[in-house]
Protein backbone atom coordinates (compact mmCIF):
# COMPACT_ATOMS: atom_id res chain seq x y z
CA MET A 1 -48.89 -172.99 -110.27
CA PHE A 2 -46.22 -170.69 -111.70
CA GLU A 3 -44.75 -168.05 -109.42
CA ARG A 4 -44.99 -164.37 -110.11
CA PRO A 5 -41.84 -162.40 -110.84
CA THR A 6 -40.50 -160.53 -107.82
CA SER A 7 -41.16 -157.30 -109.71
CA CYS A 8 -44.89 -157.85 -109.05
CA GLY A 9 -44.33 -157.51 -105.30
CA THR A 10 -45.84 -154.05 -104.92
CA CYS A 11 -48.98 -154.78 -106.97
CA ARG A 12 -52.26 -154.27 -105.11
CA LEU A 13 -53.33 -157.74 -106.23
CA HIS A 14 -50.16 -159.26 -104.77
CA TYR A 15 -51.92 -161.15 -101.95
CA ALA A 16 -55.22 -161.74 -103.70
CA HIS A 17 -54.30 -163.02 -107.15
CA HIS A 18 -54.43 -166.60 -108.44
CA GLY A 19 -51.21 -167.63 -110.17
CA PHE A 20 -49.27 -165.91 -112.91
CA CYS A 21 -49.38 -166.40 -116.66
CA ALA A 22 -46.81 -165.03 -119.08
CA ASP A 23 -47.75 -164.06 -122.63
CA PHE A 24 -47.53 -166.58 -125.47
CA VAL A 25 -44.93 -165.20 -127.87
CA PRO A 26 -44.30 -167.34 -130.98
CA ASP A 27 -41.29 -166.80 -133.21
CA LYS A 28 -43.20 -165.31 -136.13
CA PRO A 29 -46.73 -164.26 -135.11
CA VAL A 30 -49.11 -163.26 -137.87
CA LEU A 31 -51.12 -161.07 -135.50
CA ALA A 32 -51.64 -160.39 -131.80
CA MET A 33 -54.72 -160.95 -129.67
CA VAL A 34 -55.34 -159.07 -126.43
CA PHE A 35 -57.56 -160.58 -123.71
CA ASP A 36 -58.54 -159.47 -120.19
CA TYR A 37 -56.89 -161.93 -117.79
CA PRO A 38 -55.90 -165.63 -117.73
CA ASP A 39 -58.38 -168.23 -116.50
CA LYS A 40 -57.72 -170.97 -113.94
CA ASP A 41 -56.20 -173.39 -116.46
CA ALA A 42 -53.86 -170.71 -117.77
CA VAL A 43 -52.47 -169.77 -114.36
CA LEU A 44 -52.02 -173.44 -113.42
CA LEU A 45 -50.06 -174.22 -116.58
CA GLY A 46 -48.44 -170.82 -117.06
CA GLU A 47 -49.68 -170.38 -120.62
CA PRO A 48 -52.68 -168.38 -121.88
CA LEU A 49 -55.71 -169.93 -123.56
CA ILE A 50 -55.24 -173.49 -122.36
CA GLY A 51 -58.07 -175.88 -121.52
CA ALA A 52 -61.71 -175.61 -122.57
CA LEU A 53 -61.59 -171.91 -123.49
CA GLY A 54 -58.38 -172.35 -125.44
CA ASP A 55 -59.72 -175.40 -127.29
CA TYR A 56 -62.86 -173.50 -128.26
CA TRP A 57 -60.86 -170.49 -129.42
CA LEU A 58 -58.48 -172.64 -131.46
CA ASN A 59 -60.91 -175.13 -132.97
CA LYS A 60 -63.88 -172.82 -133.61
CA LEU A 61 -62.19 -169.54 -134.49
CA ILE A 62 -58.55 -169.98 -135.54
CA ARG A 63 -58.13 -173.33 -137.30
CA PRO A 64 -61.22 -172.85 -139.51
CA LEU A 65 -59.44 -169.76 -140.90
CA GLY A 66 -56.35 -171.80 -141.74
CA TYR A 67 -54.14 -170.76 -138.82
CA GLU A 68 -52.68 -172.39 -135.71
CA ARG A 69 -51.83 -171.29 -132.19
CA LYS A 70 -48.23 -170.60 -133.25
CA ASP A 71 -49.51 -167.87 -135.58
CA VAL A 72 -50.92 -165.75 -132.75
CA LEU A 73 -49.18 -163.67 -130.09
CA ILE A 74 -51.45 -163.91 -127.03
CA VAL A 75 -51.46 -161.11 -124.45
CA ASN A 76 -53.53 -160.58 -121.31
CA THR A 77 -54.10 -157.12 -119.84
CA LEU A 78 -53.54 -158.68 -116.39
CA ARG A 79 -51.02 -161.49 -116.03
CA CYS A 80 -52.73 -163.07 -113.00
CA LYS A 81 -56.30 -164.19 -112.39
CA PRO A 82 -58.02 -161.63 -110.13
CA PRO A 83 -60.01 -162.71 -107.05
CA ARG A 84 -63.28 -164.50 -107.92
CA GLY A 85 -62.59 -163.73 -111.57
CA ASN A 86 -63.74 -160.14 -111.16
CA PHE A 87 -61.66 -157.56 -113.00
CA PRO A 88 -60.44 -155.00 -110.44
CA VAL A 89 -61.84 -151.50 -110.43
CA GLY A 90 -60.72 -148.03 -109.37
CA THR A 91 -57.22 -147.46 -108.06
CA THR A 92 -56.61 -151.21 -107.70
CA ALA A 93 -57.18 -151.72 -111.42
CA LYS A 94 -55.10 -148.69 -112.33
CA HIS A 95 -52.19 -149.88 -110.23
CA ALA A 96 -52.41 -153.52 -111.38
CA LEU A 97 -52.51 -152.54 -115.04
CA ALA A 98 -49.56 -150.22 -114.55
CA MET A 99 -47.62 -153.08 -113.00
CA CYS A 100 -48.51 -155.38 -115.88
CA ARG A 101 -47.23 -152.77 -118.32
CA GLN A 102 -43.71 -153.86 -117.42
CA TYR A 103 -44.27 -157.06 -119.43
CA ASP A 104 -45.10 -155.01 -122.51
CA ASP A 105 -41.70 -153.34 -122.32
CA ARG A 106 -38.98 -154.64 -124.62
CA ASN A 107 -36.53 -153.91 -121.77
CA GLY A 108 -38.76 -155.44 -119.12
CA PRO A 109 -38.48 -158.66 -117.08
CA VAL A 110 -37.02 -161.75 -118.68
CA LEU A 111 -40.17 -163.88 -118.74
CA THR A 112 -41.61 -162.49 -121.96
CA PRO A 113 -39.20 -159.79 -123.10
CA GLY A 114 -40.60 -157.47 -125.70
CA GLY A 115 -43.60 -159.56 -126.78
CA ILE A 116 -46.24 -157.01 -127.75
CA ALA A 117 -43.76 -154.13 -127.80
CA THR A 118 -41.49 -155.85 -130.29
CA PHE A 119 -44.50 -156.78 -132.40
CA GLU A 120 -45.43 -153.07 -132.50
CA PRO A 121 -49.08 -153.33 -133.58
CA ASN A 122 -50.35 -150.44 -135.67
CA LEU A 123 -53.90 -151.57 -136.45
CA PHE A 124 -56.52 -152.63 -133.90
CA ILE A 125 -59.82 -154.47 -134.35
CA VAL A 126 -62.46 -154.79 -131.60
CA THR A 127 -64.52 -157.92 -131.01
CA GLU A 128 -66.04 -160.06 -128.23
CA HIS A 129 -64.12 -162.24 -125.78
CA PRO A 130 -64.39 -165.99 -126.58
CA ARG A 131 -65.81 -166.49 -123.07
CA VAL A 132 -69.03 -164.88 -124.27
CA LEU A 133 -69.38 -167.52 -126.98
CA PHE A 134 -70.05 -170.19 -124.35
CA THR A 135 -73.28 -168.41 -123.41
CA ALA A 136 -74.11 -167.04 -126.87
CA PRO A 137 -72.86 -169.57 -129.47
CA ALA A 138 -74.61 -167.67 -132.26
CA MET A 139 -72.00 -164.93 -131.93
CA THR A 140 -69.25 -167.30 -133.08
CA ARG A 141 -69.93 -166.49 -136.72
CA MET A 142 -69.62 -162.75 -136.08
CA VAL A 143 -66.36 -163.08 -134.13
CA LYS A 144 -64.95 -165.41 -136.78
CA LYS A 145 -65.77 -162.79 -139.41
CA HIS A 146 -63.87 -160.16 -137.44
CA LEU A 147 -60.87 -162.47 -137.06
CA GLU A 148 -60.95 -163.36 -140.74
CA LYS A 149 -60.65 -159.69 -141.63
CA ALA A 150 -57.94 -159.24 -139.02
CA PHE A 151 -55.84 -161.98 -140.65
CA LYS A 152 -56.55 -160.41 -144.05
CA ARG A 153 -55.23 -157.04 -142.84
CA ALA A 154 -52.19 -158.81 -141.37
CA ASN A 155 -51.46 -160.43 -144.72
CA GLU A 156 -51.70 -156.99 -146.32
CA GLY A 157 -48.79 -155.88 -144.14
CA TRP A 158 -50.54 -154.40 -141.10
CA ARG A 159 -49.39 -155.42 -137.63
CA VAL A 160 -52.82 -156.23 -136.24
CA ALA A 161 -53.86 -156.58 -132.61
CA VAL A 162 -57.38 -157.88 -132.00
CA LEU A 163 -58.93 -156.53 -128.79
CA LEU A 164 -61.18 -159.27 -127.40
CA GLY A 165 -63.69 -158.04 -124.85
CA ALA A 166 -64.41 -154.89 -122.90
CA GLN A 167 -61.34 -154.92 -120.67
CA ALA A 168 -58.93 -155.32 -123.59
CA MET A 169 -60.65 -152.47 -125.41
CA ARG A 170 -60.53 -150.22 -122.35
CA ARG A 171 -56.89 -151.12 -121.75
CA VAL A 172 -55.69 -150.22 -125.23
CA ALA A 173 -58.24 -147.60 -126.24
CA PRO A 174 -59.70 -146.11 -123.04
CA GLU A 175 -61.13 -143.18 -124.96
CA LEU A 176 -63.78 -145.41 -126.55
CA GLU A 177 -67.22 -145.20 -125.01
CA GLY A 178 -70.38 -147.23 -125.39
CA GLY A 179 -69.00 -150.75 -124.86
CA VAL A 180 -67.72 -153.44 -127.18
CA GLN A 181 -71.03 -153.84 -129.03
CA LYS A 182 -70.79 -150.29 -130.31
CA TRP A 183 -67.34 -151.00 -131.78
CA HIS A 184 -67.80 -154.54 -133.07
CA GLY A 185 -65.65 -155.05 -136.14
CA HIS A 186 -64.25 -151.54 -136.16
CA GLN A 187 -60.61 -151.03 -136.95
CA PHE A 188 -58.38 -148.10 -136.15
CA CYS A 189 -54.77 -147.10 -136.53
CA GLY A 190 -52.72 -146.37 -133.44
CA ALA A 191 -49.80 -147.51 -131.33
CA TRP A 192 -49.42 -149.74 -128.31
CA PRO A 193 -50.38 -149.35 -125.48
CA GLY A 194 -52.75 -146.47 -126.24
CA THR A 195 -54.24 -144.61 -129.13
CA PRO A 196 -54.01 -140.80 -129.34
CA ARG A 197 -57.39 -139.11 -129.43
CA LYS A 198 -56.56 -137.52 -132.76
CA THR A 199 -56.87 -140.94 -134.42
CA ILE A 200 -60.52 -141.27 -133.39
CA ALA A 201 -61.52 -139.53 -136.60
CA GLY A 202 -59.84 -142.38 -138.45
CA PHE A 203 -62.18 -145.07 -137.14
CA ARG A 204 -63.90 -147.02 -139.83
CA GLN A 205 -65.96 -150.17 -139.87
CA VAL A 206 -64.51 -153.25 -141.58
């Protein structure tokens, strides 16, 4: 299990977390994908989307579109696995997310310096977390369609970040209401880590 950076010492999850997982930052990512938190395999190996979930994501959603793992910058909103796999709530969540913001900073700790910040996404697309596809395989086609359009936008010159699941959506665009299903496949312009409310009028479905 990889150790957390010492800069995580004041986090409210400090004594309750399971491991630590840095972002996956390839040399030339085509687009970025934002998830909620790493699973048990990720915190054991120190790399996101490893094991069964990672294999499903890669073989069912990414490779069929002609891309590989090295084409995707992978970011988690939390860098450790929360207790019992339950995303924290209230002030604990607010504090933990604020602590994890330091790894989005191009001048932050040395583990993953400037990953998502250097990528500077300017277009976001909302879809389901791959974890859901284990219980609802029929949704794979829909998510693949969203990712296909995300890669298309990336090839048009946009710096795309796909928000996978409710926590990723709330993290980047907290002003959205109604859950992921309401925003499936929608794209919007903005800037990391949040989107000004004035851009809400610019939402459009892809």
